[in-house]
Amino acid sequence: MRQLKYLLLASVLVTCACSSNTSNMETPIEDSDTVIDETPEPVVDECADIYMNKDGTVTVEYELDENEEYSIWVIPADEAGNFNLGKSIHAFNDDKVIISLFENNDYKIQIRKLYLRASDGSTIDDIEKSCIVTRNVDTIDTNSYFLLSTASINWENSDAAIVKAKELVANAKDDYDKVFAIWSYIKNNYIYDEDKANGIYTEGKKSLQTIDYTYNTQSGVCMDLTILQAAMLRSVGIPCKLVNGFLNNEDGTVAGAHAWNEVLIDDEWKIIDVTNDLVSLGASNSEMFRNEKYYKKQGEQ
């Protein structure tokens, strides 16, 4: 594994105990035509291709193997400087991506490669590179970021899902109507991919599938469905976050890892959990906005 940008240097004192009868002996030096090159090797900054920008974004450049699947993990530091607050995971499908960081802090940026376990079809990932960056910029308007096409929520106006989104909101009177139309469409027409949830990957299926794949198959796990919903909502002018974290039980204990959306309505961020609202899961009468006490956020993008 490649080393981190910041290294902790330590001086080491080595003591050599020699016997008295050999302490004055010298090793003869033989004549040689060999020339020893003592020029130090140039220092290579392993993190030169992961760097902060003035606007609070971080750029990640890496030469990808087109036959492999990659992701970028962003892990913020806690008050003690430890990187254990959770993570946000971003798709990495291009040799260069830009990710927004929304708070001044230290962040560990990891490039990870996904591997398939041949025995059961489940997946593991391995760290290709890990670097630390520091965001220290003035506050910027982050709401506008949640309207953009990004590395993880990647869409174009010509995408079938985006064309569908604009059809769905054609008669909407306000932002609430837009959100309700797209949420209703997904929850009534899509199914939860149980095989993928259990780590079974059929041909053409990836851990982070594209919105086209989700739209065409009308299936996915929580991350797939929330990425699709975020893209559709952003395309019609609704700021929408992709959030990852944990679901809580009624007693506050953790039920499991999950992904959901937050939408900006009347200057207030509200939780939408389209996965748990799917009619295919028996949630036909669910309300659109969810109670935040059941959700523990780890990261957003």
C-alpha atoms as a PDB file:
ATOM      1  CA  MET A   1       0.000   0.000   0.000  1.00  0.00           C
ATOM      2  CA  ARG A   2       1.306   3.416  -0.859  1.00  0.00           C
ATOM      3  CA  GLN A   3       2.326   5.677   2.001  1.00  0.00           C
ATOM      4  CA  LEU A   4       0.329   8.695   3.209  1.00  0.00           C
ATOM      5  CA  LYS A   5       1.317  12.261   2.428  1.00  0.00           C
ATOM      6  CA  TYR A   6       2.035  13.014   6.039  1.00  0.00           C
ATOM      7  CA  LEU A   7       4.637  10.808   7.661  1.00  0.00           C
ATOM      8  CA  LEU A   8       5.622  10.667  11.280  1.00  0.00           C
ATOM      9  CA  LEU A   9       9.412  10.824  11.522  1.00  0.00           C
ATOM     10  CA  ALA A  10      11.233   9.173  14.403  1.00  0.00           C
ATOM     11  CA  SER A  11      14.929   9.066  15.160  1.00  0.00           C
ATOM     12  CA  VAL A  12      16.274   5.651  16.092  1.00  0.00           C
ATOM     13  CA  LEU A  13      19.409   5.153  18.188  1.00  0.00           C
ATOM     14  CA  VAL A  14      21.190   1.910  17.402  1.00  0.00           C
ATOM     15  CA  THR A  15      23.830   0.622  19.829  1.00  0.00           C
ATOM     16  CA  CYS A  16      26.330  -1.968  18.605  1.00  0.00           C
ATOM     17  CA  ALA A  17      28.088  -4.091  21.221  1.00  0.00           C
ATOM     18  CA  CYS A  18      31.452  -5.346  19.933  1.00  0.00           C
ATOM     19  CA  SER A  19      33.844  -7.795  21.659  1.00  0.00           C
ATOM     20  CA  SER A  20      37.197  -6.371  22.852  1.00  0.00           C
ATOM     21  CA  ASN A  21      39.380  -8.577  20.661  1.00  0.00           C
ATOM     22  CA  THR A  22      37.792  -7.270  17.452  1.00  0.00           C
ATOM     23  CA  SER A  23      37.202  -3.623  18.319  1.00  0.00           C
ATOM     24  CA  ASN A  24      40.442  -2.417  16.690  1.00  0.00           C
ATOM     25  CA  MET A  25      40.229  -4.556  13.587  1.00  0.00           C
ATOM     26  CA  GLU A  26      39.601  -2.845  10.248  1.00  0.00           C
ATOM     27  CA  THR A  27      38.210  -4.377   7.106  1.00  0.00           C
ATOM     28  CA  PRO A  28      40.596  -3.883   4.172  1.00  0.00           C
ATOM     29  CA  ILE A  29      39.204  -1.960   1.230  1.00  0.00           C
ATOM     30  CA  GLU A  30      39.887  -3.548  -2.130  1.00  0.00           C
ATOM     31  CA  ASP A  31      40.520  -1.507  -5.238  1.00  0.00           C
ATOM     32  CA  SER A  32      37.484  -1.333  -7.517  1.00  0.00           C
ATOM     33  CA  ASP A  33      36.449   0.452 -10.679  1.00  0.00           C
ATOM     34  CA  THR A  34      32.813   0.564  -9.476  1.00  0.00           C
ATOM     35  CA  VAL A  35      31.462   4.093  -9.102  1.00  0.00           C
ATOM     36  CA  ILE A  36      28.853   4.467  -6.356  1.00  0.00           C
ATOM     37  CA  ASP A  37      26.119   6.970  -7.206  1.00  0.00           C
ATOM     38  CA  GLU A  38      25.215   8.691  -3.953  1.00  0.00           C
ATOM     39  CA  THR A  39      22.715  11.113  -5.568  1.00  0.00           C
ATOM     40  CA  PRO A  40      19.476  10.837  -3.552  1.00  0.00           C
ATOM     41  CA  GLU A  41      16.391   9.661  -5.396  1.00  0.00           C
ATOM     42  CA  PRO A  42      13.840  12.420  -6.027  1.00  0.00           C
ATOM     43  CA  VAL A  43      11.009  12.574  -3.499  1.00  0.00           C
ATOM     44  CA  VAL A  44       7.660  11.785  -5.112  1.00  0.00           C
ATOM     45  CA  ASP A  45       4.553  13.289  -3.514  1.00  0.00           C
ATOM     46  CA  GLU A  46       2.136  10.373  -3.481  1.00  0.00           C
ATOM     47  CA  CYS A  47      -0.767  12.763  -2.912  1.00  0.00           C
ATOM     48  CA  ALA A  48       0.020  15.345  -5.583  1.00  0.00           C
ATOM     49  CA  ASP A  49      -3.014  14.181  -7.566  1.00  0.00           C
ATOM     50  CA  ILE A  50      -5.442  14.590  -4.635  1.00  0.00           C
ATOM     51  CA  TYR A  51      -5.641  18.277  -3.796  1.00  0.00           C
ATOM     52  CA  MET A  52      -7.880  21.049  -2.442  1.00  0.00           C
ATOM     53  CA  ASN A  53      -9.236  23.857  -4.619  1.00  0.00           C
ATOM     54  CA  LYS A  54      -9.958  27.429  -3.545  1.00  0.00           C
ATOM     55  CA  ASP A  55     -13.728  26.924  -3.711  1.00  0.00           C
ATOM     56  CA  GLY A  56     -13.756  24.154  -1.102  1.00  0.00           C
ATOM     57  CA  THR A  57     -13.778  21.271  -3.563  1.00  0.00           C
ATOM     58  CA  VAL A  58     -11.191  18.517  -3.771  1.00  0.00           C
ATOM     59  CA  THR A  59      -9.843  17.174  -7.059  1.00  0.00           C
ATOM     60  CA  VAL A  60      -8.952  13.506  -7.416  1.00  0.00           C
ATOM     61  CA  GLU A  61      -6.941  12.364 -10.420  1.00  0.00           C
ATOM     62  CA  TYR A  62      -6.022   8.739 -10.960  1.00  0.00           C
ATOM     63  CA  GLU A  63      -5.361   6.504 -13.952  1.00  0.00           C
ATOM     64  CA  LEU A  64      -8.175   3.988 -13.893  1.00  0.00           C
ATOM     65  CA  ASP A  65      -8.182   0.485 -15.290  1.00  0.00           C
ATOM     66  CA  GLU A  66     -11.278   0.431 -17.509  1.00  0.00           C
ATOM     67  CA  ASN A  67     -11.886  -3.198 -16.551  1.00  0.00           C
ATOM     68  CA  GLU A  68     -12.111  -2.418 -12.836  1.00  0.00           C
ATOM     69  CA  GLU A  69     -14.667  -0.612 -10.652  1.00  0.00           C
ATOM     70  CA  TYR A  70     -13.543   2.159  -8.297  1.00  0.00           C
ATOM     71  CA  SER A  71     -15.016   4.433  -5.656  1.00  0.00           C
ATOM     72  CA  ILE A  72     -13.790   7.404  -3.619  1.00  0.00           C
ATOM     73  CA  TRP A  73     -14.305   7.448   0.139  1.00  0.00           C
ATOM     74  CA  VAL A  74     -14.376  10.801   1.957  1.00  0.00           C
ATOM     75  CA  ILE A  75     -13.882  10.478   5.730  1.00  0.00           C
ATOM     76  CA  PRO A  76     -13.972  13.618   7.940  1.00  0.00           C
ATOM     77  CA  ALA A  77     -11.881  13.948  11.105  1.00  0.00           C
ATOM     78  CA  ASP A  78     -13.523  14.169  14.529  1.00  0.00           C
ATOM     79  CA  GLU A  79     -12.583  16.709  17.218  1.00  0.00           C
ATOM     80  CA  ALA A  80      -9.623  14.571  18.294  1.00  0.00           C
ATOM     81  CA  GLY A  81      -8.315  14.335  14.734  1.00  0.00           C
ATOM     82  CA  ASN A  82      -9.346  10.719  14.229  1.00  0.00           C
ATOM     83  CA  PHE A  83     -11.022   9.625  11.012  1.00  0.00           C
ATOM     84  CA  ASN A  84     -13.936   7.627  12.370  1.00  0.00           C
ATOM     85  CA  LEU A  85     -16.988   9.866  11.901  1.00  0.00           C
ATOM     86  CA  GLY A  86     -18.297   7.877   8.978  1.00  0.00           C
ATOM     87  CA  LYS A  87     -17.870   8.329   5.264  1.00  0.00           C
ATOM     88  CA  SER A  88     -19.465   9.368   2.024  1.00  0.00           C
ATOM     89  CA  ILE A  89     -18.858   7.192  -1.023  1.00  0.00           C
ATOM     90  CA  HIS A  90     -18.559   8.644  -4.513  1.00  0.00           C
ATOM     91  CA  ALA A  91     -18.545   6.898  -7.877  1.00  0.00           C
ATOM     92  CA  PHE A  92     -15.204   7.098  -9.681  1.00  0.00           C
ATOM     93  CA  ASN A  93     -15.749   6.496 -13.384  1.00  0.00           C
ATOM     94  CA  ASP A  94     -13.382   9.084 -14.854  1.00  0.00           C
ATOM     95  CA  ASP A  95      -9.672   9.755 -14.467  1.00  0.00           C
ATOM     96  CA  LYS A  96     -10.473  13.106 -12.845  1.00  0.00           C
ATOM     97  CA  VAL A  97     -13.381  14.009 -10.552  1.00  0.00           C
ATOM     98  CA  ILE A  98     -14.181  16.995  -8.321  1.00  0.00           C
ATOM     99  CA  ILE A  99     -15.945  16.488  -4.985  1.00  0.00           C
ATOM    100  CA  SER A 100     -17.406  19.224  -2.778  1.00  0.00           C
ATOM    101  CA  LEU A 101     -16.566  19.365   0.937  1.00  0.00           C
ATOM    102  CA  PHE A 102     -19.004  21.486   2.916  1.00  0.00           C
ATOM    103  CA  GLU A 103     -17.237  22.142   6.235  1.00  0.00           C
ATOM    104  CA  ASN A 104     -13.738  23.310   7.139  1.00  0.00           C
ATOM    105  CA  ASN A 105     -12.010  20.215   8.458  1.00  0.00           C
ATOM    106  CA  ASP A 106      -9.383  17.569   7.722  1.00  0.00           C
ATOM    107  CA  TYR A 107     -10.538  14.798   5.407  1.00  0.00           C
ATOM    108  CA  LYS A 108      -9.066  11.435   4.504  1.00  0.00           C
ATOM    109  CA  ILE A 109      -9.593  10.764   0.796  1.00  0.00           C
ATOM    110  CA  GLN A 110      -9.326   7.134  -0.270  1.00  0.00           C
ATOM    111  CA  ILE A 111      -9.368   5.612  -3.747  1.00  0.00           C
ATOM    112  CA  ARG A 112     -10.739   2.074  -3.501  1.00  0.00           C
ATOM    113  CA  LYS A 113     -10.964  -0.737  -6.029  1.00  0.00           C
ATOM    114  CA  LEU A 114     -13.872  -3.153  -5.883  1.00  0.00           C
ATOM    115  CA  TYR A 115     -13.289  -6.884  -6.095  1.00  0.00           C
ATOM    116  CA  LEU A 116     -15.774  -9.718  -6.501  1.00  0.00           C
ATOM    117  CA  ARG A 117     -15.540 -12.742  -4.251  1.00  0.00           C
ATOM    118  CA  ALA A 118     -15.796 -15.549  -6.774  1.00  0.00           C
ATOM    119  CA  SER A 119     -17.221 -18.081  -4.301  1.00  0.00           C
ATOM    120  CA  ASP A 120     -20.475 -16.294  -3.492  1.00  0.00           C
ATOM    121  CA  GLY A 121     -20.588 -13.237  -5.759  1.00  0.00           C
ATOM    122  CA  SER A 122     -20.272 -10.766  -2.897  1.00  0.00           C
ATOM    123  CA  THR A 123     -17.861  -7.831  -2.982  1.00  0.00           C
ATOM    124  CA  ILE A 124     -14.889  -6.454  -1.085  1.00  0.00           C
ATOM    125  CA  ASP A 125     -12.767  -3.392  -1.762  1.00  0.00           C
ATOM    126  CA  ASP A 126      -9.113  -2.566  -1.325  1.00  0.00           C
ATOM    127  CA  ILE A 127      -7.456   0.816  -0.751  1.00  0.00           C
ATOM    128  CA  GLU A 128      -5.418   1.936  -3.753  1.00  0.00           C
ATOM    129  CA  LYS A 129      -4.417   5.312  -2.289  1.00  0.00           C
ATOM    130  CA  SER A 130      -5.133   7.222   0.935  1.00  0.00           C
ATOM    131  CA  CYS A 131      -4.343  10.921   1.493  1.00  0.00           C
ATOM    132  CA  ILE A 132      -5.314  13.693   3.900  1.00  0.00           C
ATOM    133  CA  VAL A 133      -6.498  17.129   2.763  1.00  0.00           C
ATOM    134  CA  THR A 134      -7.576  20.202   4.729  1.00  0.00           C
ATOM    135  CA  ARG A 135     -10.486  22.446   3.772  1.00  0.00           C
ATOM    136  CA  ASN A 136     -10.115  26.005   5.036  1.00  0.00           C
ATOM    137  CA  VAL A 137     -12.201  28.410   2.957  1.00  0.00           C
ATOM    138  CA  ASP A 138     -14.888  31.010   3.564  1.00  0.00           C
ATOM    139  CA  THR A 139     -18.480  29.782   3.641  1.00  0.00           C
ATOM    140  CA  ILE A 140     -20.006  29.311   0.196  1.00  0.00           C
ATOM    141  CA  ASP A 141     -23.556  28.666  -0.995  1.00  0.00           C
ATOM    142  CA  THR A 142     -23.769  24.894  -0.694  1.00  0.00           C
ATOM    143  CA  ASN A 143     -27.439  24.620  -1.673  1.00  0.00           C
ATOM    144  CA  SER A 144     -26.589  25.351  -5.295  1.00  0.00           C
ATOM    145  CA  TYR A 145     -24.231  22.349  -5.307  1.00  0.00           C
ATOM    146  CA  PHE A 146     -27.186  20.036  -4.699  1.00  0.00           C
ATOM    147  CA  LEU A 147     -28.624  21.010  -8.074  1.00  0.00           C
ATOM    148  CA  LEU A 148     -25.575  19.841 -10.027  1.00  0.00           C
ATOM    149  CA  SER A 149     -24.670  16.718 -11.916  1.00  0.00           C
ATOM    150  CA  THR A 150     -21.713  15.249  -9.991  1.00  0.00           C
ATOM    151  CA  ALA A 151     -19.431  12.222 -10.015  1.00  0.00           C
ATOM    152  CA  SER A 152     -21.913  10.123  -8.022  1.00  0.00           C
ATOM    153  CA  ILE A 153     -25.168  11.695  -9.203  1.00  0.00           C
ATOM    154  CA  ASN A 154     -24.299  11.904 -12.862  1.00  0.00           C
ATOM    155  CA  TRP A 155     -27.013  12.938 -15.307  1.00  0.00           C
ATOM    156  CA  GLU A 156     -27.644  14.815 -18.549  1.00  0.00           C
ATOM    157  CA  ASN A 157     -30.822  16.417 -19.847  1.00  0.00           C
ATOM    158  CA  SER A 158     -30.965  13.841 -22.633  1.00  0.00           C
ATOM    159  CA  ASP A 159     -31.042  10.865 -20.211  1.00  0.00           C
ATOM    160  CA  ALA A 160     -34.305   8.932 -20.318  1.00  0.00           C
ATOM    161  CA  ALA A 161     -34.767   9.298 -16.550  1.00  0.00           C
ATOM    162  CA  ILE A 162     -34.365  13.063 -16.774  1.00  0.00           C
ATOM    163  CA  VAL A 163     -36.794  13.338 -19.686  1.00  0.00           C
ATOM    164  CA  LYS A 164     -39.255  11.333 -17.573  1.00  0.00           C
ATOM    165  CA  ALA A 165     -38.731  13.641 -14.578  1.00  0.00           C
ATOM    166  CA  LYS A 166     -39.652  16.692 -16.609  1.00  0.00           C
ATOM    167  CA  GLU A 167     -42.765  14.945 -17.912  1.00  0.00           C
ATOM    168  CA  LEU A 168     -43.805  14.080 -14.362  1.00  0.00           C
ATOM    169  CA  VAL A 169     -43.608  17.682 -13.113  1.00  0.00           C
ATOM    170  CA  ALA A 170     -45.122  19.336 -16.189  1.00  0.00           C
ATOM    171  CA  ASN A 171     -48.296  20.286 -14.269  1.00  0.00           C
ATOM    172  CA  ALA A 172     -46.708  20.870 -10.849  1.00  0.00           C
ATOM    173  CA  LYS A 173     -47.806  24.108  -9.134  1.00  0.00           C
ATOM    174  CA  ASP A 174     -44.889  24.322  -6.687  1.00  0.00           C
ATOM    175  CA  ASP A 175     -41.777  22.515  -5.393  1.00  0.00           C
ATOM    176  CA  TYR A 176     -43.830  20.220  -3.163  1.00  0.00           C
ATOM    177  CA  ASP A 177     -45.795  18.987  -6.187  1.00  0.00           C
ATOM    178  CA  LYS A 178     -42.543  18.301  -8.051  1.00  0.00           C
ATOM    179  CA  VAL A 179     -41.107  16.238  -5.202  1.00  0.00           C
ATOM    180  CA  PHE A 180     -44.369  14.354  -4.695  1.00  0.00           C
ATOM    181  CA  ALA A 181     -44.644  13.488  -8.399  1.00  0.00           C
ATOM    182  CA  ILE A 182     -41.142  12.013  -8.670  1.00  0.00           C
ATOM    183  CA  TRP A 183     -41.279  10.255  -5.288  1.00  0.00           C
ATOM    184  CA  SER A 184     -44.656   8.698  -6.171  1.00  0.00           C
ATOM    185  CA  TYR A 185     -43.386   7.518  -9.545  1.00  0.00           C
ATOM    186  CA  ILE A 186     -40.394   5.675  -8.051  1.00  0.00           C
ATOM    187  CA  LYS A 187     -42.199   4.155  -5.080  1.00  0.00           C
ATOM    188  CA  ASN A 188     -45.046   2.855  -7.248  1.00  0.00           C
ATOM    189  CA  ASN A 189     -42.995   1.479 -10.141  1.00  0.00           C
ATOM    190  CA  TYR A 190     -39.646   0.228  -8.818  1.00  0.00           C
ATOM    191  CA  ILE A 191     -38.684  -2.863  -6.838  1.00  0.00           C
ATOM    192  CA  TYR A 192     -35.977  -3.560  -4.290  1.00  0.00           C
ATOM    193  CA  ASP A 193     -33.160  -5.753  -5.651  1.00  0.00           C
ATOM    194  CA  GLU A 194     -32.920  -8.509  -3.042  1.00  0.00           C
ATOM    195  CA  ASP A 195     -30.140 -10.349  -4.887  1.00  0.00           C
ATOM    196  CA  LYS A 196     -27.918  -7.305  -4.969  1.00  0.00           C
ATOM    197  CA  ALA A 197     -28.700  -6.551  -1.335  1.00  0.00           C
ATOM    198  CA  ASN A 198     -27.426 -10.034  -0.491  1.00  0.00           C
ATOM    199  CA  GLY A 199     -24.212  -9.520  -2.463  1.00  0.00           C
ATOM    200  CA  ILE A 200     -25.211 -11.461  -5.575  1.00  0.00           C
ATOM    201  CA  TYR A 201     -24.048  -9.632  -8.706  1.00  0.00           C
ATOM    202  CA  THR A 202     -25.398 -10.797 -12.053  1.00  0.00           C
ATOM    203  CA  GLU A 203     -23.812  -9.813 -15.359  1.00  0.00           C
ATOM    204  CA  GLY A 204     -23.824  -6.046 -15.995  1.00  0.00           C
ATOM    205  CA  LYS A 205     -24.688  -5.157 -12.409  1.00  0.00           C
ATOM    206  CA  LYS A 206     -22.316  -2.978 -10.367  1.00  0.00           C
ATOM    207  CA  SER A 207     -22.166  -1.842  -6.769  1.00  0.00           C
ATOM    208  CA  LEU A 208     -22.829   1.750  -7.881  1.00  0.00           C
ATOM    209  CA  GLN A 209     -24.999   1.425 -10.956  1.00  0.00           C
ATOM    210  CA  THR A 210     -25.782   4.311 -13.312  1.00  0.00           C
ATOM    211  CA  ILE A 211     -29.153   6.073 -13.295  1.00  0.00           C
ATOM    212  CA  ASP A 212     -29.764   4.674 -16.789  1.00  0.00           C
ATOM    213  CA  TYR A 213     -29.344   1.127 -15.497  1.00  0.00           C
ATOM    214  CA  THR A 214     -31.658   1.760 -12.544  1.00  0.00           C
ATOM    215  CA  TYR A 215     -34.229   3.487 -14.757  1.00  0.00           C
ATOM    216  CA  ASN A 216     -34.206   0.758 -17.403  1.00  0.00           C
ATOM    217  CA  THR A 217     -34.377  -2.167 -14.970  1.00  0.00           C
ATOM    218  CA  GLN A 218     -36.665  -0.327 -12.505  1.00  0.00           C
ATOM    219  CA  SER A 219     -34.825  -1.972  -9.632  1.00  0.00           C
ATOM    220  CA  GLY A 220     -31.970  -1.366  -7.234  1.00  0.00           C
ATOM    221  CA  VAL A 221     -30.889  -1.167  -3.613  1.00  0.00           C
ATOM    222  CA  CYS A 222     -31.183   1.944  -1.460  1.00  0.00           C
ATOM    223  CA  MET A 223     -28.118   3.662  -2.941  1.00  0.00           C
ATOM    224  CA  ASP A 224     -29.287   3.103  -6.522  1.00  0.00           C
ATOM    225  CA  LEU A 225     -32.813   4.359  -5.880  1.00  0.00           C
ATOM    226  CA  THR A 226     -31.682   7.452  -3.982  1.00  0.00           C
ATOM    227  CA  ILE A 227     -29.146   8.346  -6.694  1.00  0.00           C
ATOM    228  CA  LEU A 228     -31.901   8.090  -9.311  1.00  0.00           C
ATOM    229  CA  GLN A 229     -34.295  10.201  -7.233  1.00  0.00           C
ATOM    230  CA  ALA A 230     -31.598  12.819  -6.553  1.00  0.00           C
ATOM    231  CA  ALA A 231     -30.794  13.125 -10.263  1.00  0.00           C
ATOM    232  CA  MET A 232     -34.444  13.461 -11.258  1.00  0.00           C
ATOM    233  CA  LEU A 233     -35.170  16.067  -8.566  1.00  0.00           C
ATOM    234  CA  ARG A 234     -32.057  18.120  -9.282  1.00  0.00           C
ATOM    235  CA  SER A 235     -32.901  18.177 -12.968  1.00  0.00           C
ATOM    236  CA  VAL A 236     -36.212  19.930 -12.227  1.00  0.00           C
ATOM    237  CA  GLY A 237     -34.704  22.517  -9.879  1.00  0.00           C
ATOM    238  CA  ILE A 238     -35.119  20.830  -6.464  1.00  0.00           C
ATOM    239  CA  PRO A 239     -31.935  20.801  -4.320  1.00  0.00           C
ATOM    240  CA  CYS A 240     -31.508  17.186  -3.244  1.00  0.00           C
ATOM    241  CA  LYS A 241     -28.889  15.403  -1.145  1.00  0.00           C
ATOM    242  CA  LEU A 242     -27.788  11.796  -1.292  1.00  0.00           C
ATOM    243  CA  VAL A 243     -27.299  10.806   2.363  1.00  0.00           C
ATOM    244  CA  ASN A 244     -25.742   7.674   3.832  1.00  0.00           C
ATOM    245  CA  GLY A 245     -25.816   6.485   7.429  1.00  0.00           C
ATOM    246  CA  PHE A 246     -27.932   4.240   9.636  1.00  0.00           C
ATOM    247  CA  LEU A 247     -31.595   3.584  10.342  1.00  0.00           C
ATOM    248  CA  ASN A 248     -32.609   3.662  14.003  1.00  0.00           C
ATOM    249  CA  ASN A 249     -35.206   1.514  15.740  1.00  0.00           C
ATOM    250  CA  GLU A 250     -37.905   3.042  17.901  1.00  0.00           C
ATOM    251  CA  ASP A 251     -35.709   2.591  20.995  1.00  0.00           C
ATOM    252  CA  GLY A 252     -32.769   4.383  19.349  1.00  0.00           C
ATOM    253  CA  THR A 253     -30.712   1.280  18.592  1.00  0.00           C
ATOM    254  CA  VAL A 254     -29.215   0.912  15.118  1.00  0.00           C
ATOM    255  CA  ALA A 255     -31.257  -1.159  12.672  1.00  0.00           C
ATOM    256  CA  GLY A 256     -28.750  -1.163   9.806  1.00  0.00           C
ATOM    257  CA  ALA A 257     -26.823   0.810   7.194  1.00  0.00           C
ATOM    258  CA  HIS A 258     -28.938   2.774   4.736  1.00  0.00           C
ATOM    259  CA  ALA A 259     -29.083   5.562   2.141  1.00  0.00           C
ATOM    260  CA  TRP A 260     -31.824   8.166   1.698  1.00  0.00           C
ATOM    261  CA  ASN A 261     -32.479  11.650   0.302  1.00  0.00           C
ATOM    262  CA  GLU A 262     -32.991  15.100   1.768  1.00  0.00           C
ATOM    263  CA  VAL A 263     -34.831  17.760  -0.245  1.00  0.00           C
ATOM    264  CA  LEU A 264     -34.973  21.518   0.299  1.00  0.00           C
ATOM    265  CA  ILE A 265     -38.591  22.639   0.654  1.00  0.00           C
ATOM    266  CA  ASP A 266     -39.456  26.129   1.967  1.00  0.00           C
ATOM    267  CA  ASP A 267     -35.849  26.633   3.128  1.00  0.00           C
ATOM    268  CA  GLU A 268     -35.940  23.455   5.216  1.00  0.00           C
ATOM    269  CA  TRP A 269     -34.220  20.130   4.519  1.00  0.00           C
ATOM    270  CA  LYS A 270     -36.681  17.231   4.776  1.00  0.00           C
ATOM    271  CA  ILE A 271     -35.974  13.484   4.705  1.00  0.00           C
ATOM    272  CA  ILE A 272     -37.398  11.281   1.941  1.00  0.00           C
ATOM    273  CA  ASP A 273     -36.776   7.523   2.063  1.00  0.00           C
ATOM    274  CA  VAL A 274     -38.100   6.164  -1.206  1.00  0.00           C
ATOM    275  CA  THR A 275     -36.596   2.703  -0.625  1.00  0.00           C
ATOM    276  CA  ASN A 276     -38.668   2.068   2.492  1.00  0.00           C
ATOM    277  CA  ASP A 277     -41.674   3.606   0.717  1.00  0.00           C
ATOM    278  CA  LEU A 278     -41.681   1.140  -2.204  1.00  0.00           C
ATOM    279  CA  VAL A 279     -45.081  -0.409  -2.841  1.00  0.00           C
ATOM    280  CA  SER A 280     -43.229  -3.650  -3.629  1.00  0.00           C
ATOM    281  CA  LEU A 281     -42.169  -3.706   0.035  1.00  0.00           C
ATOM    282  CA  GLY A 282     -45.730  -3.177   1.236  1.00  0.00           C
ATOM    283  CA  ALA A 283     -45.487   0.547   2.032  1.00  0.00           C
ATOM    284  CA  SER A 284     -48.314   1.836  -0.183  1.00  0.00           C
ATOM    285  CA  ASN A 285     -49.704   4.247   2.420  1.00  0.00           C
ATOM    286  CA  SER A 286     -46.423   5.734   3.635  1.00  0.00           C
ATOM    287  CA  GLU A 287     -46.032   9.488   4.095  1.00  0.00           C
ATOM    288  CA  MET A 288     -43.459  11.284   1.965  1.00  0.00           C
ATOM    289  CA  PHE A 289     -41.492  13.121   4.667  1.00  0.00           C
ATOM    290  CA  ARG A 290     -39.831  11.064   7.399  1.00  0.00           C
ATOM    291  CA  ASN A 291     -39.059  11.720  11.070  1.00  0.00           C
ATOM    292  CA  GLU A 292     -35.358  12.503  11.494  1.00  0.00           C
ATOM    293  CA  LYS A 293     -35.129  10.627  14.813  1.00  0.00           C
ATOM    294  CA  TYR A 294     -35.037   7.356  12.859  1.00  0.00           C
ATOM    295  CA  TYR A 295     -32.031   8.408  10.779  1.00  0.00           C
ATOM    296  CA  LYS A 296     -28.386   8.832  11.793  1.00  0.00           C
ATOM    297  CA  LYS A 297     -26.465  10.679   9.083  1.00  0.00           C
ATOM    298  CA  GLN A 298     -22.825   9.836   8.345  1.00  0.00           C
ATOM    299  CA  GLY A 299     -22.194  11.583   5.050  1.00  0.00           C
ATOM    300  CA  GLU A 300     -23.927  13.539   2.321  1.00  0.00           C
ATOM    301  CA  GLN A 301     -23.234  14.439  -1.285  1.00  0.00           C
END
